[in-house]
Amino acid sequence: MSSTSLLGIVGCGLMGRGIAQIAIQGGIPVILHDSRPGGAEEARTAIGATLQKLADKGKIGAQDVADACARLSVASALADLAPCTTVIEAIVEKLDVKQELFRQLEAVVGPDCILATNTSSLSVTAIAAACKTPGRVAGFHFFSPVPLMKIVEVIAGPLTDAPVADQLVAIARQMKHTPVRASDTPGFIVNHAGRGYLTESLRILGESIAPHPEVDRILRQAAGFRMGPFELLDLTGLDVSQPVMESIYDQYYQEPRFRPSPIARQRLAAGLLGRKSQRGFYRYEDGQKQDVAEAAVPPRTSTPVWLGAADAAAFPAVSELGDQLGAARDTGARPADGSLCLVLPVGQDATSCTVAAQLDPSRTVALDPLFLAGRRTLMTTPLTATAFRDAAHGLFASDGVPVSVVRDSAGLVCQRVVATIVNIGADIAQQGIATPEDIDKAVTLGLGYPKGPLAMGDALGAASILRILDGLFDFYRDPRYRPSPWLKRRAMLGVSLLTPDN
């Protein structure tokens, strides 16, 4: 990047301040402007205080603070941004307001100045449409808090000139952030890819498969997510999350994969926002979540366990686990009277497995064979007797690994949620919104998932993900579960979901 580069930032709220901070720390001179009188000066003071705190903690040196602050100046009028080579707007999320600002900026800055929008939900193309030179306009979407979230989406609209996006990539790298490129589409990469985790979890809750604390425990401990979906909704607040879910659903013309839940809308109307209202899916006292106790583990019994030969062959890890736990095994071709019948569904529900194998539904319990570490998930049929449910629970929890018991559901919990996430990520690649590598990079840095959606699919195997989705689609007849062509073709070819088209 040229040493003569000068960055203007319009909007000195939380996002504008964060962008300015990482810019000046990266050696880029910045001019701040805010429409509110005194707003830019307040921001400069606050940024200086933040840098001083970092110095007091030994994270940066005193000279670093002085050098960074020397790069930060304030513009009292928009016209003072005339010398800027790039201007980033970080103002209110209203299309008409952003369009008017960009019209005004075009009358001020030079013909080669890049105009970037930090919008998270609006169309970059629509913002650019207000400009005489839309080719200079691109999205530059940072995440809050900017200094800690090391990801930025560089969004090109259909009229964005290629060098504009290239220059924003270079600026991001000088700011010590990781840039990912995306085409202009609702949700870009991160907010688009994040639809599966929340909407599918809400759907599971809506079907009474498991209460929300159990869903959170399963997805944290068995699937490895940092936060459960309902903990995450409480953290962000339904006043933020629900409008985003509805907006992306509507912008995609009611695409079933993104369908929101009436549960979230109802809770929003009730003011159950989460941490900010002290009550959401959980209750909070002094900012601390009040945990919901788990049910006690039933005592272990000597009930014999029967596992079909096909399941035993397909999932040897389950047979090995049974041996490690010292389970009494029923090795007959058919289960003996009094034996617990264990089934291992992939994309199916316990009832379907029970009927297909002609088992006694009152003695049948399903175990998720794909997620055995951290937490195990058992699933009952509508007719499973309490004694057999408890026998399975007591056995599979006997080594200290926690166990969740859920109601009948095609795909249990982890399978459903993970397959939905993978499928959406695969379709982002199929649409050409971003490269497979950038999709996974954006999701791991922007959402904190244990893996990107495509790597997550590879970990289970594309064929397994396809099997889960096919099972969900067959059971629900809901197009939300139709597999992406990207996923289907790579599963058929036996290659990684990160494999780009040749």
Protein backbone atom coordinates (compact mmCIF):
# COMPACT_ATOMS: atom_id res chain seq x y z
CA MET A 1 0.00 0.00 0.00
CA SER A 2 1.24 3.44 -0.86
CA SER A 3 2.77 5.49 1.94
CA THR A 4 0.64 8.40 0.75
CA SER A 5 -2.60 6.55 1.63
CA LEU A 6 -4.99 8.43 3.87
CA LEU A 7 -8.06 6.82 5.38
CA GLY A 8 -11.24 8.71 6.19
CA ILE A 9 -13.81 7.21 8.57
CA VAL A 10 -17.33 8.61 8.73
CA GLY A 11 -19.26 7.53 11.81
CA CYS A 12 -17.51 7.47 15.18
CA GLY A 13 -19.56 4.92 17.07
CA LEU A 14 -18.24 1.59 18.31
CA MET A 15 -17.45 0.26 14.82
CA GLY A 16 -15.89 3.46 13.50
CA ARG A 17 -13.67 3.77 16.56
CA GLY A 18 -12.56 0.15 16.28
CA ILE A 19 -11.67 0.51 12.61
CA ALA A 20 -9.76 3.72 13.31
CA GLN A 21 -7.82 2.08 16.14
CA ILE A 22 -6.54 -0.87 14.08
CA ALA A 23 -5.78 1.44 11.16
CA ILE A 24 -3.55 3.81 13.11
CA GLN A 25 -1.91 0.86 14.87
CA GLY A 26 -1.18 -0.52 11.41
CA GLY A 27 0.53 2.69 10.35
CA ILE A 28 -2.34 4.20 8.34
CA PRO A 29 -3.17 7.90 8.90
CA VAL A 30 -6.87 8.40 9.69
CA ILE A 31 -9.24 11.36 9.60
CA LEU A 32 -12.38 10.94 11.72
CA HIS A 33 -15.68 12.62 10.96
CA ASP A 34 -19.05 12.38 12.65
CA SER A 35 -22.26 14.29 11.93
CA ARG A 36 -22.78 14.84 15.65
CA PRO A 37 -20.92 17.93 16.85
CA GLY A 38 -18.00 16.86 19.01
CA GLY A 39 -18.48 13.19 18.14
CA ALA A 40 -15.22 12.81 16.25
CA GLU A 41 -13.20 14.52 18.97
CA GLU A 42 -14.79 12.28 21.61
CA ALA A 43 -13.83 9.27 19.50
CA ARG A 44 -10.22 10.44 19.20
CA THR A 45 -9.99 10.84 22.97
CA ALA A 46 -11.56 7.41 23.56
CA ILE A 47 -9.20 5.71 21.08
CA GLY A 48 -6.22 7.31 22.77
CA ALA A 49 -7.45 6.08 26.16
CA THR A 50 -7.88 2.56 24.78
CA LEU A 51 -4.35 2.53 23.41
CA GLN A 52 -3.01 3.80 26.73
CA LYS A 53 -4.75 0.93 28.56
CA LEU A 54 -3.06 -1.51 26.19
CA ALA A 55 0.27 0.13 27.01
CA ASP A 56 -0.44 -0.03 30.76
CA LYS A 57 -0.99 -3.78 30.36
CA GLY A 58 2.28 -4.15 28.50
CA LYS A 59 0.64 -5.17 25.23
CA ILE A 60 2.10 -2.23 23.27
CA GLY A 61 4.86 0.25 23.97
CA ALA A 62 4.54 3.89 24.97
CA GLN A 63 6.11 4.96 21.68
CA ASP A 64 3.56 2.85 19.81
CA VAL A 65 0.78 4.82 21.52
CA ALA A 66 2.38 8.16 20.65
CA ASP A 67 2.98 7.17 17.02
CA ALA A 68 -0.55 5.82 16.57
CA CYS A 69 -2.21 8.86 18.13
CA ALA A 70 -0.14 11.13 15.90
CA ARG A 71 -1.75 9.47 12.90
CA LEU A 72 -5.27 10.31 14.08
CA SER A 73 -6.92 13.62 13.24
CA VAL A 74 -10.44 15.03 13.20
CA ALA A 75 -12.47 16.60 10.40
CA SER A 76 -15.14 19.05 11.45
CA ALA A 77 -16.68 19.05 7.98
CA LEU A 78 -17.12 16.36 5.36
CA ALA A 79 -15.18 18.53 2.91
CA ASP A 80 -12.05 17.99 5.04
CA LEU A 81 -11.97 14.40 3.77
CA ALA A 82 -11.02 15.64 0.28
CA PRO A 83 -7.40 14.35 0.42
CA CYS A 84 -8.42 10.80 1.49
CA THR A 85 -7.58 7.87 -0.78
CA THR A 86 -10.15 5.64 0.94
CA VAL A 87 -13.22 6.53 2.99
CA ILE A 88 -15.07 3.98 5.13
CA GLU A 89 -18.59 4.76 6.32
CA ALA A 90 -19.73 3.22 9.59
CA ILE A 91 -23.03 5.02 10.12
CA VAL A 92 -26.60 3.93 10.81
CA GLU A 93 -27.91 0.87 8.89
CA LYS A 94 -30.38 2.79 6.72
CA LEU A 95 -30.05 2.56 2.96
CA ASP A 96 -31.25 6.07 2.13
CA VAL A 97 -28.92 7.64 4.72
CA LYS A 98 -25.90 5.74 3.40
CA GLN A 99 -26.78 6.59 -0.20
CA GLU A 100 -27.01 10.29 0.62
CA LEU A 101 -23.64 10.17 2.41
CA PHE A 102 -21.99 8.53 -0.60
CA ARG A 103 -23.45 11.20 -2.92
CA GLN A 104 -21.96 13.87 -0.70
CA LEU A 105 -18.61 12.09 -0.52
CA GLU A 106 -18.40 11.84 -4.31
CA ALA A 107 -18.66 15.61 -4.49
CA VAL A 108 -15.76 15.96 -2.04
CA VAL A 109 -13.11 13.29 -2.70
CA GLY A 110 -10.93 12.72 -5.73
CA PRO A 111 -11.95 10.51 -8.66
CA ASP A 112 -9.69 7.65 -7.52
CA CYS A 113 -10.83 7.61 -3.89
CA ILE A 114 -12.36 4.29 -2.79
CA LEU A 115 -15.72 4.50 -1.00
CA ALA A 116 -16.24 1.55 1.34
CA THR A 117 -19.28 0.65 3.42
CA ASN A 118 -19.14 -1.29 6.66
CA THR A 119 -22.76 -2.39 6.23
CA SER A 120 -23.62 -5.78 7.71
CA SER A 121 -27.09 -6.21 6.26
CA LEU A 122 -27.65 -3.86 3.32
CA SER A 123 -26.87 -4.42 -0.34
CA VAL A 124 -23.52 -2.95 -1.38
CA THR A 125 -24.93 -2.75 -4.90
CA ALA A 126 -27.89 -0.67 -3.72
CA ILE A 127 -25.59 1.72 -1.86
CA ALA A 128 -23.35 2.05 -4.94
CA ALA A 129 -26.36 2.73 -7.15
CA ALA A 130 -26.56 6.24 -5.68
CA CYS A 131 -23.06 7.05 -6.96
CA LYS A 132 -21.99 8.48 -10.31
CA THR A 133 -19.01 6.09 -10.23
CA PRO A 134 -20.30 2.84 -8.65
CA GLY A 135 -17.09 1.03 -9.60
CA ARG A 136 -15.27 2.75 -6.71
CA VAL A 137 -17.73 1.37 -4.12
CA ALA A 138 -17.24 -1.89 -2.19
CA GLY A 139 -18.16 -3.45 1.12
CA PHE A 140 -15.62 -3.55 3.94
CA HIS A 141 -17.45 -5.40 6.71
CA PHE A 142 -15.74 -5.58 10.10
CA PHE A 143 -17.08 -7.38 13.15
CA SER A 144 -17.47 -6.13 16.70
CA PRO A 145 -15.32 -5.67 18.69
CA VAL A 146 -13.11 -4.75 15.74
CA PRO A 147 -9.70 -5.00 17.44
CA LEU A 148 -10.45 -8.56 18.65
CA MET A 149 -12.38 -9.93 15.67
CA LYS A 150 -9.54 -10.41 13.19
CA ILE A 151 -11.74 -10.90 10.14
CA VAL A 152 -13.04 -8.46 7.52
CA GLU A 153 -15.24 -9.24 4.53
CA VAL A 154 -14.30 -7.45 1.30
CA ILE A 155 -17.49 -7.37 -0.78
CA ALA A 156 -17.55 -6.66 -4.48
CA GLY A 157 -20.79 -5.68 -6.17
CA PRO A 158 -21.36 -6.44 -9.85
CA LEU A 159 -20.00 -2.99 -10.80
CA THR A 160 -17.08 -2.86 -8.34
CA ASP A 161 -13.75 -2.42 -10.11
CA ALA A 162 -11.33 -5.28 -9.35
CA PRO A 163 -8.50 -2.98 -8.16
CA VAL A 164 -10.85 -1.52 -5.54
CA ALA A 165 -11.32 -4.88 -3.84
CA ASP A 166 -7.58 -5.58 -4.17
CA GLN A 167 -6.75 -2.32 -2.43
CA LEU A 168 -9.16 -3.05 0.43
CA VAL A 169 -7.54 -6.47 0.87
CA ALA A 170 -4.17 -4.72 1.16
CA ILE A 171 -5.54 -2.22 3.69
CA ALA A 172 -7.02 -5.04 5.79
CA ARG A 173 -3.68 -6.81 5.89
CA GLN A 174 -1.89 -3.63 6.95
CA MET A 175 -4.44 -3.43 9.77
CA LYS A 176 -3.32 -6.97 10.77
CA HIS A 177 -6.76 -8.35 9.93
CA THR A 178 -7.58 -11.33 7.73
CA PRO A 179 -9.51 -10.33 4.59
CA VAL A 180 -11.94 -12.70 2.85
CA ARG A 181 -13.52 -11.86 -0.48
CA ALA A 182 -17.22 -12.21 -1.17
CA SER A 183 -19.64 -11.20 -3.86
CA ASP A 184 -22.54 -8.97 -2.84
CA THR A 185 -25.25 -11.25 -1.48
CA PRO A 186 -27.51 -11.15 1.60
CA GLY A 187 -25.44 -11.90 4.69
CA PHE A 188 -22.19 -11.97 2.68
CA ILE A 189 -20.27 -14.98 4.10
CA VAL A 190 -20.41 -14.96 7.90
CA ASN A 191 -24.03 -13.96 8.51
CA HIS A 192 -25.10 -16.18 5.62
CA ALA A 193 -23.19 -19.23 6.86
CA GLY A 194 -24.38 -18.65 10.42
CA ARG A 195 -28.04 -19.26 9.60
CA GLY A 196 -27.93 -23.04 10.11
CA TYR A 197 -26.79 -23.14 13.73
CA LEU A 198 -29.57 -21.01 15.16
CA THR A 199 -32.50 -21.81 12.88
CA GLU A 200 -32.05 -25.59 13.08
CA SER A 201 -31.62 -25.48 16.85
CA LEU A 202 -34.81 -23.44 17.14
CA ARG A 203 -36.54 -25.98 14.94
CA ILE A 204 -35.39 -28.79 17.26
CA LEU A 205 -36.75 -26.83 20.22
CA GLY A 206 -39.99 -26.21 18.32
CA GLU A 207 -40.47 -29.94 17.81
CA SER A 208 -39.97 -30.59 21.55
CA ILE A 209 -37.02 -32.85 20.78
CA ALA A 210 -35.13 -31.51 23.81
CA PRO A 211 -35.30 -28.46 26.10
CA HIS A 212 -32.93 -25.62 25.28
CA PRO A 213 -30.35 -26.35 28.04
CA GLU A 214 -29.99 -29.90 26.71
CA VAL A 215 -29.56 -28.71 23.12
CA ASP A 216 -26.87 -26.29 24.30
CA ARG A 217 -25.04 -29.00 26.23
CA ILE A 218 -25.12 -31.41 23.30
CA LEU A 219 -23.81 -28.92 20.76
CA ARG A 220 -21.12 -27.59 23.09
CA GLN A 221 -19.79 -30.85 24.43
CA ALA A 222 -20.49 -33.34 21.63
CA ALA A 223 -20.05 -31.12 18.56
CA GLY A 224 -17.46 -28.73 20.05
CA PHE A 225 -19.17 -25.36 19.60
CA ARG A 226 -17.92 -22.64 21.93
CA MET A 227 -21.44 -21.61 22.94
CA GLY A 228 -24.76 -23.36 22.68
CA PRO A 229 -27.24 -21.76 20.25
CA PHE A 230 -29.55 -20.52 22.99
CA GLU A 231 -26.65 -19.13 25.00
CA LEU A 232 -25.58 -17.33 21.83
CA LEU A 233 -29.07 -15.94 21.21
CA ASP A 234 -29.11 -14.63 24.79
CA LEU A 235 -25.70 -13.05 24.31
CA THR A 236 -26.51 -11.21 21.08
CA GLY A 237 -30.11 -10.51 22.08
CA LEU A 238 -33.22 -11.49 20.14
CA ASP A 239 -33.74 -7.82 19.26
CA VAL A 240 -30.60 -8.20 17.13
CA SER A 241 -30.75 -11.86 16.06
CA GLN A 242 -34.40 -12.16 15.04
CA PRO A 243 -34.41 -9.21 12.59
CA VAL A 244 -31.26 -10.61 10.96
CA MET A 245 -32.86 -14.05 10.60
CA GLU A 246 -35.98 -12.53 9.10
CA SER A 247 -34.04 -10.16 6.83
CA ILE A 248 -31.88 -12.87 5.26
CA TYR A 249 -34.92 -15.14 4.86
CA ASP A 250 -36.83 -12.38 3.07
CA GLN A 251 -33.87 -11.23 0.97
CA TYR A 252 -33.52 -14.79 -0.31
CA TYR A 253 -37.21 -14.85 -1.25
CA GLN A 254 -38.19 -17.20 1.57
CA GLU A 255 -35.45 -19.75 0.97
CA PRO A 256 -36.46 -22.67 3.26
CA ARG A 257 -32.90 -23.22 4.49
CA PHE A 258 -33.09 -19.87 6.29
CA ARG A 259 -36.65 -20.10 7.65
CA PRO A 260 -36.87 -18.36 11.06
CA SER A 261 -38.75 -19.76 14.03
CA PRO A 262 -42.00 -18.44 15.51
CA ILE A 263 -40.52 -19.23 18.92
CA ALA A 264 -37.93 -16.47 18.58
CA ARG A 265 -40.48 -13.96 17.29
CA GLN A 266 -42.82 -14.71 20.20
CA ARG A 267 -40.05 -14.37 22.78
CA LEU A 268 -38.92 -11.10 21.20
CA ALA A 269 -42.47 -9.75 21.51
CA ALA A 270 -42.44 -10.78 25.18
CA GLY A 271 -39.23 -8.83 25.79
CA LEU A 272 -37.19 -11.95 26.56
CA LEU A 273 -34.11 -10.52 24.92
CA GLY A 274 -31.42 -12.36 26.86
CA ARG A 275 -28.64 -10.92 28.99
CA LYS A 276 -29.63 -7.32 28.32
CA SER A 277 -33.12 -7.90 29.81
CA GLN A 278 -31.86 -10.33 32.52
CA ARG A 279 -34.14 -12.97 31.08
CA GLY A 280 -34.06 -14.85 27.80
CA PHE A 281 -33.83 -18.57 27.29
CA TYR A 282 -31.98 -18.44 30.61
CA ARG A 283 -32.30 -16.20 33.64
CA TYR A 284 -29.41 -13.91 34.62
CA GLU A 285 -28.44 -12.45 37.96
CA ASP A 286 -25.73 -9.79 38.05
CA GLY A 287 -24.91 -10.72 34.47
CA GLN A 288 -24.35 -14.39 35.33
CA LYS A 289 -26.34 -17.12 33.62
CA GLN A 290 -28.34 -19.26 36.01
CA ASP A 291 -27.62 -22.82 34.94
CA VAL A 292 -30.37 -25.40 34.69
CA ALA A 293 -29.49 -28.61 36.51
CA GLU A 294 -29.29 -31.85 34.56
CA ALA A 295 -31.41 -34.84 35.48
CA ALA A 296 -29.67 -37.39 37.70
CA VAL A 297 -28.05 -40.36 35.97
CA PRO A 298 -30.08 -43.52 36.59
CA PRO A 299 -28.29 -46.42 38.29
CA ARG A 300 -26.62 -48.90 35.99
CA THR A 301 -28.41 -52.21 35.47
CA SER A 302 -27.39 -55.59 34.06
CA THR A 303 -29.83 -55.37 31.15
CA PRO A 304 -28.33 -57.12 28.08
CA VAL A 305 -27.79 -54.95 24.99
CA TRP A 306 -28.60 -56.19 21.49
CA LEU A 307 -27.03 -54.45 18.48
CA GLY A 308 -27.83 -55.51 14.93
CA ALA A 309 -25.02 -57.00 12.85
CA ALA A 310 -25.23 -54.29 10.17
CA ASP A 311 -24.95 -51.46 12.72
CA ALA A 312 -22.12 -53.23 14.54
CA ALA A 313 -20.19 -53.59 11.26
CA ALA A 314 -20.86 -49.99 10.18
CA PHE A 315 -19.86 -48.48 13.55
CA PRO A 316 -17.22 -50.62 15.26
CA ALA A 317 -16.50 -47.75 17.67
CA VAL A 318 -19.89 -48.35 19.29
CA SER A 319 -19.16 -52.05 19.83
CA GLU A 320 -15.76 -51.12 21.26
CA LEU A 321 -17.41 -48.60 23.57
CA GLY A 322 -19.84 -51.26 24.78
CA ASP A 323 -16.94 -53.58 25.56
CA GLN A 324 -15.07 -50.80 27.40
CA LEU A 325 -18.17 -50.14 29.49
CA GLY A 326 -18.54 -53.86 30.24
CA ALA A 327 -22.01 -54.06 28.74
CA ALA A 328 -23.79 -57.40 28.90
CA ARG A 329 -24.19 -58.30 25.23
CA ASP A 330 -27.04 -60.15 23.59
CA THR A 331 -25.33 -61.76 20.57
CA GLY A 332 -28.37 -63.44 19.10
CA ALA A 333 -29.49 -62.86 15.52
CA ARG A 334 -32.66 -61.40 17.06
CA PRO A 335 -32.97 -59.71 20.46
CA ALA A 336 -33.98 -61.93 23.34
CA ASP A 337 -36.91 -61.04 25.57
CA GLY A 338 -35.81 -58.43 28.06
CA SER A 339 -32.84 -57.14 26.04
CA LEU A 340 -32.32 -53.48 25.29
CA CYS A 341 -32.45 -52.98 21.51
CA LEU A 342 -29.83 -50.42 20.40
CA VAL A 343 -30.08 -48.73 16.99
CA LEU A 344 -27.62 -46.29 15.40
CA PRO A 345 -29.44 -43.82 13.13
CA VAL A 346 -27.71 -41.59 10.59
CA GLY A 347 -30.26 -39.09 9.34
CA GLN A 348 -33.12 -41.26 10.58
CA ASP A 349 -35.26 -41.33 13.68
CA ALA A 350 -35.51 -44.14 16.21
CA THR A 351 -39.00 -45.10 15.09
CA SER A 352 -37.96 -45.61 11.46
CA CYS A 353 -34.99 -47.75 12.52
CA THR A 354 -37.20 -49.75 14.86
CA VAL A 355 -39.82 -50.46 12.22
CA ALA A 356 -37.23 -51.30 9.55
CA ALA A 357 -35.53 -53.83 11.85
CA GLN A 358 -38.86 -55.15 13.21
CA LEU A 359 -37.88 -54.44 16.81
CA ASP A 360 -40.01 -53.90 19.88
CA PRO A 361 -40.38 -50.09 20.14
CA SER A 362 -40.85 -50.29 23.90
CA ARG A 363 -37.33 -51.74 24.26
CA THR A 364 -35.56 -49.68 21.59
CA VAL A 365 -33.20 -46.76 22.20
CA ALA A 366 -31.06 -44.97 19.59
CA LEU A 367 -27.48 -43.76 20.09
CA ASP A 368 -25.83 -41.12 17.91
CA PRO A 369 -22.87 -43.09 16.47
CA LEU A 370 -21.19 -40.04 14.90
CA PHE A 371 -20.73 -38.01 18.09
CA LEU A 372 -19.47 -40.20 20.93
CA ALA A 373 -16.87 -37.93 22.54
CA GLY A 374 -17.55 -35.22 25.11
CA ARG A 375 -21.24 -36.05 25.44
CA ARG A 376 -23.35 -38.92 24.12
CA THR A 377 -26.88 -38.55 22.84
CA LEU A 378 -29.56 -41.19 23.26
CA MET A 379 -32.97 -40.99 21.61
CA THR A 380 -36.18 -42.83 22.42
CA THR A 381 -39.14 -43.87 20.32
CA PRO A 382 -42.53 -42.54 21.43
CA LEU A 383 -43.13 -45.97 23.02
CA THR A 384 -39.79 -46.65 24.70
CA ALA A 385 -40.38 -47.86 28.25
CA THR A 386 -38.80 -45.85 31.06
CA ALA A 387 -36.86 -48.90 32.32
CA PHE A 388 -35.09 -49.39 28.98
CA ARG A 389 -34.44 -45.67 28.54
CA ASP A 390 -32.85 -45.55 31.99
CA ALA A 391 -30.87 -48.75 31.36
CA ALA A 392 -29.32 -47.19 28.25
CA HIS A 393 -28.65 -43.91 30.08
CA GLY A 394 -27.03 -45.62 33.05
CA LEU A 395 -24.82 -47.76 30.82
CA PHE A 396 -23.53 -45.05 28.48
CA ALA A 397 -22.91 -42.62 31.35
CA SER A 398 -21.10 -45.19 33.49
CA ASP A 399 -17.60 -44.01 32.49
CA GLY A 400 -18.34 -40.41 33.51
CA VAL A 401 -19.07 -39.07 30.00
CA PRO A 402 -22.36 -37.12 30.24
CA VAL A 403 -25.40 -38.38 28.37
CA SER A 404 -28.39 -36.49 26.98
CA VAL A 405 -31.66 -38.27 26.27
CA VAL A 406 -33.82 -36.65 23.58
CA ARG A 407 -37.14 -37.43 21.96
CA ASP A 408 -37.42 -39.01 18.55
CA SER A 409 -35.94 -36.90 15.77
CA ALA A 410 -34.59 -37.67 12.34
CA GLY A 411 -30.87 -36.95 12.71
CA LEU A 412 -30.94 -36.52 16.49
CA VAL A 413 -29.39 -33.11 17.45
CA CYS A 414 -25.73 -32.89 16.36
CA GLN A 415 -26.36 -34.58 13.02
CA ARG A 416 -29.19 -32.20 12.14
CA VAL A 417 -27.41 -29.02 13.11
CA VAL A 418 -24.00 -29.91 11.69
CA ALA A 419 -25.46 -31.17 8.40
CA THR A 420 -27.47 -27.96 8.03
CA ILE A 421 -24.37 -25.82 8.64
CA VAL A 422 -22.31 -27.85 6.16
CA ASN A 423 -25.04 -27.73 3.52
CA ILE A 424 -25.35 -23.94 3.70
CA GLY A 425 -21.57 -23.56 3.53
CA ALA A 426 -21.47 -25.87 0.51
CA ASP A 427 -24.14 -23.83 -1.22
CA ILE A 428 -22.24 -20.59 -0.60
CA ALA A 429 -19.41 -22.24 -2.53
CA GLN A 430 -21.82 -23.49 -5.20
CA GLN A 431 -23.16 -19.96 -5.74
CA GLY A 432 -19.63 -18.63 -6.17
CA ILE A 433 -20.08 -16.14 -3.32
CA ALA A 434 -16.61 -16.96 -1.97
CA THR A 435 -13.88 -19.55 -2.39
CA PRO A 436 -14.06 -22.69 -0.23
CA GLU A 437 -10.95 -21.55 1.64
CA ASP A 438 -12.41 -18.09 2.40
CA ILE A 439 -15.74 -19.59 3.50
CA ASP A 440 -14.07 -21.70 6.17
CA LYS A 441 -11.68 -18.91 7.17
CA ALA A 442 -14.54 -16.42 7.56
CA VAL A 443 -16.67 -18.78 9.65
CA THR A 444 -13.93 -19.89 12.03
CA LEU A 445 -12.76 -16.30 12.63
CA GLY A 446 -16.16 -14.62 12.45
CA LEU A 447 -18.32 -17.16 14.28
CA GLY A 448 -15.78 -19.08 16.35
CA TYR A 449 -16.97 -22.47 15.12
CA PRO A 450 -14.63 -25.40 15.87
CA LYS A 451 -14.12 -25.83 12.11
CA GLY A 452 -15.34 -24.10 9.00
CA PRO A 453 -18.48 -25.65 7.47
CA LEU A 454 -16.61 -27.42 4.69
CA ALA A 455 -13.90 -28.80 6.99
CA MET A 456 -16.69 -29.78 9.39
CA GLY A 457 -18.28 -31.77 6.57
CA ASP A 458 -14.96 -33.39 5.72
CA ALA A 459 -14.49 -34.46 9.35
CA LEU A 460 -17.68 -36.55 9.19
CA GLY A 461 -17.31 -37.30 5.48
CA ALA A 462 -19.29 -35.71 2.68
CA ALA A 463 -21.11 -39.01 2.12
CA SER A 464 -22.27 -39.04 5.77
CA ILE A 465 -23.51 -35.45 5.53
CA LEU A 466 -25.38 -36.31 2.34
CA ARG A 467 -26.89 -39.36 4.04
CA ILE A 468 -28.09 -37.23 6.95
CA LEU A 469 -29.65 -34.62 4.67
CA ASP A 470 -31.30 -37.27 2.49
CA GLY A 471 -32.74 -38.84 5.64
CA LEU A 472 -34.04 -35.50 6.90
CA PHE A 473 -35.53 -34.69 3.52
CA ASP A 474 -37.20 -38.10 3.23
CA PHE A 475 -38.69 -37.79 6.72
CA TYR A 476 -39.82 -34.15 6.71
CA ARG A 477 -40.41 -33.58 2.98
CA ASP A 478 -39.08 -30.09 3.66
CA PRO A 479 -36.91 -28.46 0.96
CA ARG A 480 -34.78 -26.85 3.67
CA TYR A 481 -32.92 -30.19 3.77
CA ARG A 482 -32.30 -30.58 0.03
CA PRO A 483 -28.56 -31.13 -0.48
CA SER A 484 -26.48 -28.53 -2.26
CA PRO A 485 -25.14 -29.66 -5.64
CA TRP A 486 -21.65 -28.80 -4.34
CA LEU A 487 -22.04 -31.31 -1.52
CA LYS A 488 -23.73 -33.97 -3.62
CA ARG A 489 -21.13 -34.01 -6.37
CA ARG A 490 -18.16 -34.10 -3.99
CA ALA A 491 -19.77 -36.86 -1.95
CA MET A 492 -20.28 -38.88 -5.14
CA LEU A 493 -16.68 -38.27 -6.25
CA GLY A 494 -15.26 -38.99 -2.78
CA VAL A 495 -13.31 -35.73 -2.57
CA SER A 496 -13.02 -32.98 0.04
CA LEU A 497 -15.73 -30.34 0.24
CA LEU A 498 -12.89 -27.80 0.02
CA THR A 499 -12.12 -28.99 -3.52
CA PRO A 500 -12.73 -26.09 -5.93
CA ASP A 501 -14.05 -26.58 -9.44
CA ASN A 502 -11.19 -27.26 -11.84
